[in-house]
Amino acid sequence: MGRAFEVRKVAMGKTAAKKAKLYAKYGKEIYMAAKTGLPDPDLNVNLKRVIERAKKDQVSAEVIKRAIDKAKGGSDEHYTEARYEGFGPGNSLIIVECLTDNVTRTIAEVRNCFTKTNGKLGVTGSVVHQFNHQAVITVPNLTEDDALEILVLNDVDVVDIEADEEGVTVLGDAQAFQQIKQAFLDHNENTEFITEEIVWLPMMEVELKADEKELFDKLMNMLEDLDDVQEIYHNLK
């Protein structure tokens, strides 16, 4: 299915099948992006990126507008970004990214998920060093040579370029996300990206035994059910 498909599989926190959770997830992200910057996507790059992702995941225009209006209205509601790192069943490594209005509650809930599935919550830095924080952008209707030429002409450094039936997927440092995207937009302002995300990709993947995989799936389901969880990344093959 190609690299783009695999990347989206890794981001297990995306619960498109659970519409209410999906809307709440993006509502928080859009609200915070608008509140911490300008509530105008034309003037706020971070807000624009979140809105574009929300639209790709079929979040309604009303949900997006409501979140921005809430930020414009001067709401004192505030969410804190929190990242938790843990060791799951077998040799699985997991990163859980959250937006929370109560860090004490959230860490207790996340820890409980690990404890009940024979896992363990680690300290900051215990897992993340086994992942690369990368921009992942998939562009349709281009060959690998086309993509390389565009990037070279725009003096953009990337980690890897892979072509498949979907198009060309470019992997780069997270900080280079906007630069990579803009290079393709400068080439064709009407480009519609298949994938445009910043994710944690594992340096090495592992396989689990059947009983470990069962516990791992239980852990994923428990984490996904938590309201504060935004994204989940792991190193399972």
C-alpha atoms as a PDB file:
ATOM      1  CA  MET A   1       0.000   0.000   0.000  1.00  0.00           C
ATOM      2  CA  GLY A   2       3.000   2.292   0.175  1.00  0.00           C
ATOM      3  CA  ARG A   3       4.709   4.442   2.774  1.00  0.00           C
ATOM      4  CA  ALA A   4       1.852   6.951   3.096  1.00  0.00           C
ATOM      5  CA  PHE A   5      -0.528   4.193   4.096  1.00  0.00           C
ATOM      6  CA  GLU A   6       1.958   2.801   6.625  1.00  0.00           C
ATOM      7  CA  VAL A   7       2.465   6.247   8.168  1.00  0.00           C
ATOM      8  CA  ARG A   8      -1.251   6.681   8.694  1.00  0.00           C
ATOM      9  CA  LYS A   9      -1.410   3.189  10.229  1.00  0.00           C
ATOM     10  CA  VAL A  10       1.228   4.185  12.775  1.00  0.00           C
ATOM     11  CA  ALA A  11      -0.797   7.216  13.884  1.00  0.00           C
ATOM     12  CA  MET A  12      -3.294   5.047  15.714  1.00  0.00           C
ATOM     13  CA  GLY A  13      -4.736   7.993  17.612  1.00  0.00           C
ATOM     14  CA  LYS A  14      -6.708   8.966  14.506  1.00  0.00           C
ATOM     15  CA  THR A  15     -10.162   7.565  15.263  1.00  0.00           C
ATOM     16  CA  ALA A  16     -12.051   8.522  12.115  1.00  0.00           C
ATOM     17  CA  ALA A  17     -14.638   5.827  12.790  1.00  0.00           C
ATOM     18  CA  LYS A  18     -15.539   7.546  16.060  1.00  0.00           C
ATOM     19  CA  LYS A  19     -16.920  10.826  14.811  1.00  0.00           C
ATOM     20  CA  ALA A  20     -17.619  12.398  18.195  1.00  0.00           C
ATOM     21  CA  LYS A  21     -14.059  11.707  19.404  1.00  0.00           C
ATOM     22  CA  LEU A  22     -12.643  12.979  16.123  1.00  0.00           C
ATOM     23  CA  TYR A  23     -14.610  16.219  16.319  1.00  0.00           C
ATOM     24  CA  ALA A  24     -13.581  16.765  19.949  1.00  0.00           C
ATOM     25  CA  LYS A  25      -9.927  16.104  19.073  1.00  0.00           C
ATOM     26  CA  TYR A  26      -9.840  18.667  16.292  1.00  0.00           C
ATOM     27  CA  GLY A  27     -12.013  21.095  18.239  1.00  0.00           C
ATOM     28  CA  LYS A  28      -9.315  21.237  20.935  1.00  0.00           C
ATOM     29  CA  GLU A  29      -6.455  21.556  18.439  1.00  0.00           C
ATOM     30  CA  ILE A  30      -8.137  24.291  16.401  1.00  0.00           C
ATOM     31  CA  TYR A  31      -9.165  26.197  19.528  1.00  0.00           C
ATOM     32  CA  MET A  32      -5.638  26.132  20.969  1.00  0.00           C
ATOM     33  CA  ALA A  33      -4.002  27.027  17.632  1.00  0.00           C
ATOM     34  CA  ALA A  34      -6.374  29.990  17.272  1.00  0.00           C
ATOM     35  CA  LYS A  35      -6.025  31.062  20.904  1.00  0.00           C
ATOM     36  CA  THR A  36      -2.225  30.933  21.068  1.00  0.00           C
ATOM     37  CA  GLY A  37      -1.835  32.718  17.736  1.00  0.00           C
ATOM     38  CA  LEU A  38      -4.146  34.756  15.528  1.00  0.00           C
ATOM     39  CA  PRO A  39      -7.643  33.288  14.904  1.00  0.00           C
ATOM     40  CA  ASP A  40      -7.133  33.677  11.151  1.00  0.00           C
ATOM     41  CA  PRO A  41      -5.684  30.731   9.163  1.00  0.00           C
ATOM     42  CA  ASP A  42      -4.304  33.135   6.544  1.00  0.00           C
ATOM     43  CA  LEU A  43      -2.125  34.715   9.246  1.00  0.00           C
ATOM     44  CA  ASN A  44      -1.561  31.683  11.478  1.00  0.00           C
ATOM     45  CA  VAL A  45       0.380  28.838   9.804  1.00  0.00           C
ATOM     46  CA  ASN A  46      -0.214  26.391  12.644  1.00  0.00           C
ATOM     47  CA  LEU A  47      -3.976  27.030  12.613  1.00  0.00           C
ATOM     48  CA  LYS A  48      -4.064  26.633   8.840  1.00  0.00           C
ATOM     49  CA  ARG A  49      -2.272  23.279   9.066  1.00  0.00           C
ATOM     50  CA  VAL A  50      -4.652  21.936  11.714  1.00  0.00           C
ATOM     51  CA  ILE A  51      -7.696  23.048   9.712  1.00  0.00           C
ATOM     52  CA  GLU A  52      -6.358  21.378   6.569  1.00  0.00           C
ATOM     53  CA  ARG A  53      -5.875  18.102   8.471  1.00  0.00           C
ATOM     54  CA  ALA A  54      -9.343  18.394   9.961  1.00  0.00           C
ATOM     55  CA  LYS A  55     -10.914  18.844   6.539  1.00  0.00           C
ATOM     56  CA  LYS A  56      -9.064  15.788   5.220  1.00  0.00           C
ATOM     57  CA  ASP A  57     -10.524  13.781   8.103  1.00  0.00           C
ATOM     58  CA  GLN A  58     -13.972  15.078   7.122  1.00  0.00           C
ATOM     59  CA  VAL A  59     -14.516  17.305  10.134  1.00  0.00           C
ATOM     60  CA  SER A  60     -17.481  19.567   9.416  1.00  0.00           C
ATOM     61  CA  ALA A  61     -17.066  23.279   8.689  1.00  0.00           C
ATOM     62  CA  GLU A  62     -19.370  24.020  11.638  1.00  0.00           C
ATOM     63  CA  VAL A  63     -17.040  22.263  14.099  1.00  0.00           C
ATOM     64  CA  ILE A  64     -14.069  24.229  12.720  1.00  0.00           C
ATOM     65  CA  LYS A  65     -15.944  27.552  12.863  1.00  0.00           C
ATOM     66  CA  ARG A  66     -17.209  26.901  16.393  1.00  0.00           C
ATOM     67  CA  ALA A  67     -13.690  26.231  17.681  1.00  0.00           C
ATOM     68  CA  ILE A  68     -12.316  29.419  16.102  1.00  0.00           C
ATOM     69  CA  ASP A  69     -15.261  31.501  17.344  1.00  0.00           C
ATOM     70  CA  LYS A  70     -14.673  30.119  20.829  1.00  0.00           C
ATOM     71  CA  ALA A  71     -11.073  31.367  20.722  1.00  0.00           C
ATOM     72  CA  LYS A  72     -12.198  34.743  19.345  1.00  0.00           C
ATOM     73  CA  GLY A  73     -14.738  35.021  22.152  1.00  0.00           C
ATOM     74  CA  GLY A  74     -12.015  35.153  24.744  1.00  0.00           C
ATOM     75  CA  SER A  75     -12.790  31.838  26.440  1.00  0.00           C
ATOM     76  CA  ASP A  76     -10.471  31.206  29.389  1.00  0.00           C
ATOM     77  CA  GLU A  77     -10.483  27.472  28.725  1.00  0.00           C
ATOM     78  CA  HIS A  78      -6.921  26.240  28.322  1.00  0.00           C
ATOM     79  CA  TYR A  79      -5.371  22.946  27.266  1.00  0.00           C
ATOM     80  CA  THR A  80      -1.811  21.840  27.920  1.00  0.00           C
ATOM     81  CA  GLU A  81       0.160  19.658  25.537  1.00  0.00           C
ATOM     82  CA  ALA A  82       1.442  16.541  27.267  1.00  0.00           C
ATOM     83  CA  ARG A  83       3.504  13.689  25.847  1.00  0.00           C
ATOM     84  CA  TYR A  84       3.752  10.352  27.650  1.00  0.00           C
ATOM     85  CA  GLU A  85       6.177   7.584  26.786  1.00  0.00           C
ATOM     86  CA  GLY A  86       5.651   3.980  27.732  1.00  0.00           C
ATOM     87  CA  PHE A  87       6.627   0.345  27.340  1.00  0.00           C
ATOM     88  CA  GLY A  88       3.818  -1.898  26.136  1.00  0.00           C
ATOM     89  CA  PRO A  89       3.520  -5.691  25.885  1.00  0.00           C
ATOM     90  CA  GLY A  90       6.588  -7.461  24.503  1.00  0.00           C
ATOM     91  CA  ASN A  91       9.117  -4.987  23.168  1.00  0.00           C
ATOM     92  CA  SER A  92       6.572  -2.404  22.054  1.00  0.00           C
ATOM     93  CA  LEU A  93       7.354   1.270  22.547  1.00  0.00           C
ATOM     94  CA  ILE A  94       4.559   3.829  22.639  1.00  0.00           C
ATOM     95  CA  ILE A  95       4.249   7.608  22.485  1.00  0.00           C
ATOM     96  CA  VAL A  96       0.951   9.153  23.592  1.00  0.00           C
ATOM     97  CA  GLU A  97       0.284  12.805  22.796  1.00  0.00           C
ATOM     98  CA  CYS A  98      -2.472  14.582  24.706  1.00  0.00           C
ATOM     99  CA  LEU A  99      -4.200  17.929  25.057  1.00  0.00           C
ATOM    100  CA  THR A 100      -5.544  18.253  28.584  1.00  0.00           C
ATOM    101  CA  ASP A 101      -7.057  20.738  30.998  1.00  0.00           C
ATOM    102  CA  ASN A 102      -5.976  18.562  33.938  1.00  0.00           C
ATOM    103  CA  VAL A 103      -2.518  16.982  33.703  1.00  0.00           C
ATOM    104  CA  THR A 104      -2.913  15.087  36.990  1.00  0.00           C
ATOM    105  CA  ARG A 105      -6.054  13.364  35.726  1.00  0.00           C
ATOM    106  CA  THR A 106      -4.592  12.584  32.324  1.00  0.00           C
ATOM    107  CA  ILE A 107      -1.339  11.000  33.506  1.00  0.00           C
ATOM    108  CA  ALA A 108      -3.307   8.840  35.966  1.00  0.00           C
ATOM    109  CA  GLU A 109      -5.631   7.647  33.184  1.00  0.00           C
ATOM    110  CA  VAL A 110      -2.771   6.941  30.777  1.00  0.00           C
ATOM    111  CA  ARG A 111      -0.768   5.101  33.452  1.00  0.00           C
ATOM    112  CA  ASN A 112      -3.819   2.978  34.262  1.00  0.00           C
ATOM    113  CA  CYS A 113      -4.040   1.853  30.610  1.00  0.00           C
ATOM    114  CA  PHE A 114      -0.426   0.657  30.663  1.00  0.00           C
ATOM    115  CA  THR A 115      -0.722  -1.009  34.071  1.00  0.00           C
ATOM    116  CA  LYS A 116      -3.817  -3.004  33.086  1.00  0.00           C
ATOM    117  CA  THR A 117      -2.099  -4.413  29.986  1.00  0.00           C
ATOM    118  CA  ASN A 118       1.217  -5.458  31.578  1.00  0.00           C
ATOM    119  CA  GLY A 119       2.902  -2.283  30.377  1.00  0.00           C
ATOM    120  CA  LYS A 120       4.696   0.519  32.155  1.00  0.00           C
ATOM    121  CA  LEU A 121       4.703   4.272  31.805  1.00  0.00           C
ATOM    122  CA  GLY A 122       8.246   5.576  31.393  1.00  0.00           C
ATOM    123  CA  VAL A 123       9.896   8.879  32.205  1.00  0.00           C
ATOM    124  CA  THR A 124      10.313  11.658  29.668  1.00  0.00           C
ATOM    125  CA  GLY A 125      12.934  10.651  27.103  1.00  0.00           C
ATOM    126  CA  SER A 126      12.807   6.930  27.834  1.00  0.00           C
ATOM    127  CA  VAL A 127      11.133   6.056  24.516  1.00  0.00           C
ATOM    128  CA  VAL A 128      11.179   9.076  22.224  1.00  0.00           C
ATOM    129  CA  HIS A 129      14.882   8.639  21.377  1.00  0.00           C
ATOM    130  CA  GLN A 130      13.875   5.474  19.482  1.00  0.00           C
ATOM    131  CA  PHE A 131      11.686   7.522  17.111  1.00  0.00           C
ATOM    132  CA  ASN A 132      12.310  10.205  14.503  1.00  0.00           C
ATOM    133  CA  HIS A 133      10.104  13.309  14.526  1.00  0.00           C
ATOM    134  CA  GLN A 134       9.374  13.744  10.840  1.00  0.00           C
ATOM    135  CA  ALA A 135       7.330  15.639   8.324  1.00  0.00           C
ATOM    136  CA  VAL A 136       5.500  13.284   5.958  1.00  0.00           C
ATOM    137  CA  ILE A 137       4.086  14.769   2.765  1.00  0.00           C
ATOM    138  CA  THR A 138       2.611  12.746  -0.093  1.00  0.00           C
ATOM    139  CA  VAL A 139       2.121  14.479  -3.443  1.00  0.00           C
ATOM    140  CA  PRO A 140       0.081  12.891  -6.276  1.00  0.00           C
ATOM    141  CA  ASN A 141       0.932  12.812  -9.964  1.00  0.00           C
ATOM    142  CA  LEU A 142       4.679  13.207  -9.594  1.00  0.00           C
ATOM    143  CA  THR A 143       7.596  10.857 -10.150  1.00  0.00           C
ATOM    144  CA  GLU A 144      10.482  10.517  -7.734  1.00  0.00           C
ATOM    145  CA  ASP A 145      12.701  12.451 -10.161  1.00  0.00           C
ATOM    146  CA  ASP A 146      10.118  15.254 -10.395  1.00  0.00           C
ATOM    147  CA  ALA A 147       9.964  15.575  -6.613  1.00  0.00           C
ATOM    148  CA  LEU A 148      13.751  15.540  -6.275  1.00  0.00           C
ATOM    149  CA  GLU A 149      14.125  18.290  -8.886  1.00  0.00           C
ATOM    150  CA  ILE A 150      11.538  20.495  -7.153  1.00  0.00           C
ATOM    151  CA  LEU A 151      13.205  20.051  -3.776  1.00  0.00           C
ATOM    152  CA  VAL A 152      16.714  20.688  -5.119  1.00  0.00           C
ATOM    153  CA  LEU A 153      15.625  23.835  -6.955  1.00  0.00           C
ATOM    154  CA  ASN A 154      14.110  25.132  -3.709  1.00  0.00           C
ATOM    155  CA  ASP A 155      17.174  24.130  -1.665  1.00  0.00           C
ATOM    156  CA  VAL A 156      15.133  21.847   0.611  1.00  0.00           C
ATOM    157  CA  ASP A 157      16.884  19.023   2.447  1.00  0.00           C
ATOM    158  CA  VAL A 158      14.863  15.847   3.068  1.00  0.00           C
ATOM    159  CA  VAL A 159      15.505  12.459   4.645  1.00  0.00           C
ATOM    160  CA  ASP A 160      13.935  10.197   2.028  1.00  0.00           C
ATOM    161  CA  ILE A 161      11.716  10.145  -1.069  1.00  0.00           C
ATOM    162  CA  GLU A 162       9.561   7.137  -1.919  1.00  0.00           C
ATOM    163  CA  ALA A 163       7.262   6.609  -4.891  1.00  0.00           C
ATOM    164  CA  ASP A 164       4.260   4.274  -5.056  1.00  0.00           C
ATOM    165  CA  GLU A 165       0.854   4.086  -6.721  1.00  0.00           C
ATOM    166  CA  GLU A 166      -0.428   7.021  -4.629  1.00  0.00           C
ATOM    167  CA  GLY A 167       2.318   9.403  -5.656  1.00  0.00           C
ATOM    168  CA  VAL A 168       5.571  10.545  -4.072  1.00  0.00           C
ATOM    169  CA  THR A 169       6.045  10.595  -0.300  1.00  0.00           C
ATOM    170  CA  VAL A 170       8.698  12.913   1.102  1.00  0.00           C
ATOM    171  CA  LEU A 171      10.117  12.409   4.591  1.00  0.00           C
ATOM    172  CA  GLY A 172      11.954  15.279   6.245  1.00  0.00           C
ATOM    173  CA  ASP A 173      12.718  16.792   9.624  1.00  0.00           C
ATOM    174  CA  ALA A 174       9.623  18.038  11.448  1.00  0.00           C
ATOM    175  CA  GLN A 175      10.981  21.601  11.338  1.00  0.00           C
ATOM    176  CA  ALA A 176      11.107  21.431   7.534  1.00  0.00           C
ATOM    177  CA  PHE A 177       7.385  20.665   7.152  1.00  0.00           C
ATOM    178  CA  GLN A 178       6.322  24.074   5.851  1.00  0.00           C
ATOM    179  CA  GLN A 179       9.392  24.444   3.648  1.00  0.00           C
ATOM    180  CA  ILE A 180       8.771  21.077   1.963  1.00  0.00           C
ATOM    181  CA  LYS A 181       5.086  21.804   1.459  1.00  0.00           C
ATOM    182  CA  GLN A 182       5.724  25.291   0.084  1.00  0.00           C
ATOM    183  CA  ALA A 183       8.199  23.954  -2.476  1.00  0.00           C
ATOM    184  CA  PHE A 184       5.465  21.833  -4.048  1.00  0.00           C
ATOM    185  CA  LEU A 185       2.901  24.650  -3.824  1.00  0.00           C
ATOM    186  CA  ASP A 186       5.337  26.976  -5.592  1.00  0.00           C
ATOM    187  CA  HIS A 187       5.631  24.362  -8.329  1.00  0.00           C
ATOM    188  CA  ASN A 188       1.841  23.984  -8.543  1.00  0.00           C
ATOM    189  CA  GLU A 189      -0.357  26.173  -6.354  1.00  0.00           C
ATOM    190  CA  ASN A 190      -3.295  23.794  -6.898  1.00  0.00           C
ATOM    191  CA  THR A 191      -1.494  20.794  -5.389  1.00  0.00           C
ATOM    192  CA  GLU A 192      -3.805  18.703  -3.187  1.00  0.00           C
ATOM    193  CA  PHE A 193      -1.654  16.721  -0.779  1.00  0.00           C
ATOM    194  CA  ILE A 194      -2.663  13.162   0.029  1.00  0.00           C
ATOM    195  CA  THR A 195      -0.777  13.225   3.310  1.00  0.00           C
ATOM    196  CA  GLU A 196       0.652  16.225   5.181  1.00  0.00           C
ATOM    197  CA  GLU A 197       1.558  15.372   8.744  1.00  0.00           C
ATOM    198  CA  ILE A 198       4.227  15.608  11.400  1.00  0.00           C
ATOM    199  CA  VAL A 199       4.569  12.227  13.093  1.00  0.00           C
ATOM    200  CA  TRP A 200       6.856  10.088  15.256  1.00  0.00           C
ATOM    201  CA  LEU A 201       8.243   7.227  13.151  1.00  0.00           C
ATOM    202  CA  PRO A 202      10.058   4.335  14.856  1.00  0.00           C
ATOM    203  CA  MET A 203      13.705   3.709  13.985  1.00  0.00           C
ATOM    204  CA  MET A 204      13.135  -0.029  14.329  1.00  0.00           C
ATOM    205  CA  GLU A 205       9.924  -2.068  14.290  1.00  0.00           C
ATOM    206  CA  VAL A 206       9.086  -5.161  16.330  1.00  0.00           C
ATOM    207  CA  GLU A 207       6.721  -8.108  16.057  1.00  0.00           C
ATOM    208  CA  LEU A 208       4.732  -9.477  18.990  1.00  0.00           C
ATOM    209  CA  LYS A 209       3.591 -12.960  19.930  1.00  0.00           C
ATOM    210  CA  ALA A 210      -0.130 -13.674  19.736  1.00  0.00           C
ATOM    211  CA  ASP A 211      -0.779 -13.168  23.465  1.00  0.00           C
ATOM    212  CA  GLU A 212       1.312  -9.983  23.501  1.00  0.00           C
ATOM    213  CA  LYS A 213      -0.534  -8.647  20.446  1.00  0.00           C
ATOM    214  CA  GLU A 214      -3.860  -9.227  22.195  1.00  0.00           C
ATOM    215  CA  LEU A 215      -2.716  -7.147  25.167  1.00  0.00           C
ATOM    216  CA  PHE A 216      -1.268  -4.520  22.841  1.00  0.00           C
ATOM    217  CA  ASP A 217      -4.603  -4.158  21.021  1.00  0.00           C
ATOM    218  CA  LYS A 218      -6.362  -3.826  24.369  1.00  0.00           C
ATOM    219  CA  LEU A 219      -3.916  -1.072  25.353  1.00  0.00           C
ATOM    220  CA  MET A 220      -4.513   0.800  22.089  1.00  0.00           C
ATOM    221  CA  ASN A 221      -8.279   0.610  22.524  1.00  0.00           C
ATOM    222  CA  MET A 222      -8.081   1.857  26.118  1.00  0.00           C
ATOM    223  CA  LEU A 223      -5.858   4.775  25.143  1.00  0.00           C
ATOM    224  CA  GLU A 224      -8.016   5.726  22.177  1.00  0.00           C
ATOM    225  CA  ASP A 225     -11.053   5.872  24.446  1.00  0.00           C
ATOM    226  CA  LEU A 226      -9.455   8.580  26.620  1.00  0.00           C
ATOM    227  CA  ASP A 227     -10.833  12.028  25.792  1.00  0.00           C
ATOM    228  CA  ASP A 228      -7.473  13.739  26.275  1.00  0.00           C
ATOM    229  CA  VAL A 229      -5.528  11.508  23.862  1.00  0.00           C
ATOM    230  CA  GLN A 230      -4.825  13.157  20.502  1.00  0.00           C
ATOM    231  CA  GLU A 231      -2.310  10.849  18.829  1.00  0.00           C
ATOM    232  CA  ILE A 232      -0.676   7.495  19.536  1.00  0.00           C
ATOM    233  CA  TYR A 233       2.529   6.247  17.884  1.00  0.00           C
ATOM    234  CA  HIS A 234       4.236   2.891  18.312  1.00  0.00           C
ATOM    235  CA  ASN A 235       6.944   0.659  16.883  1.00  0.00           C
ATOM    236  CA  LEU A 236       4.826  -2.377  16.017  1.00  0.00           C
ATOM    237  CA  LYS A 237       5.503  -3.805  12.570  1.00  0.00           C
END
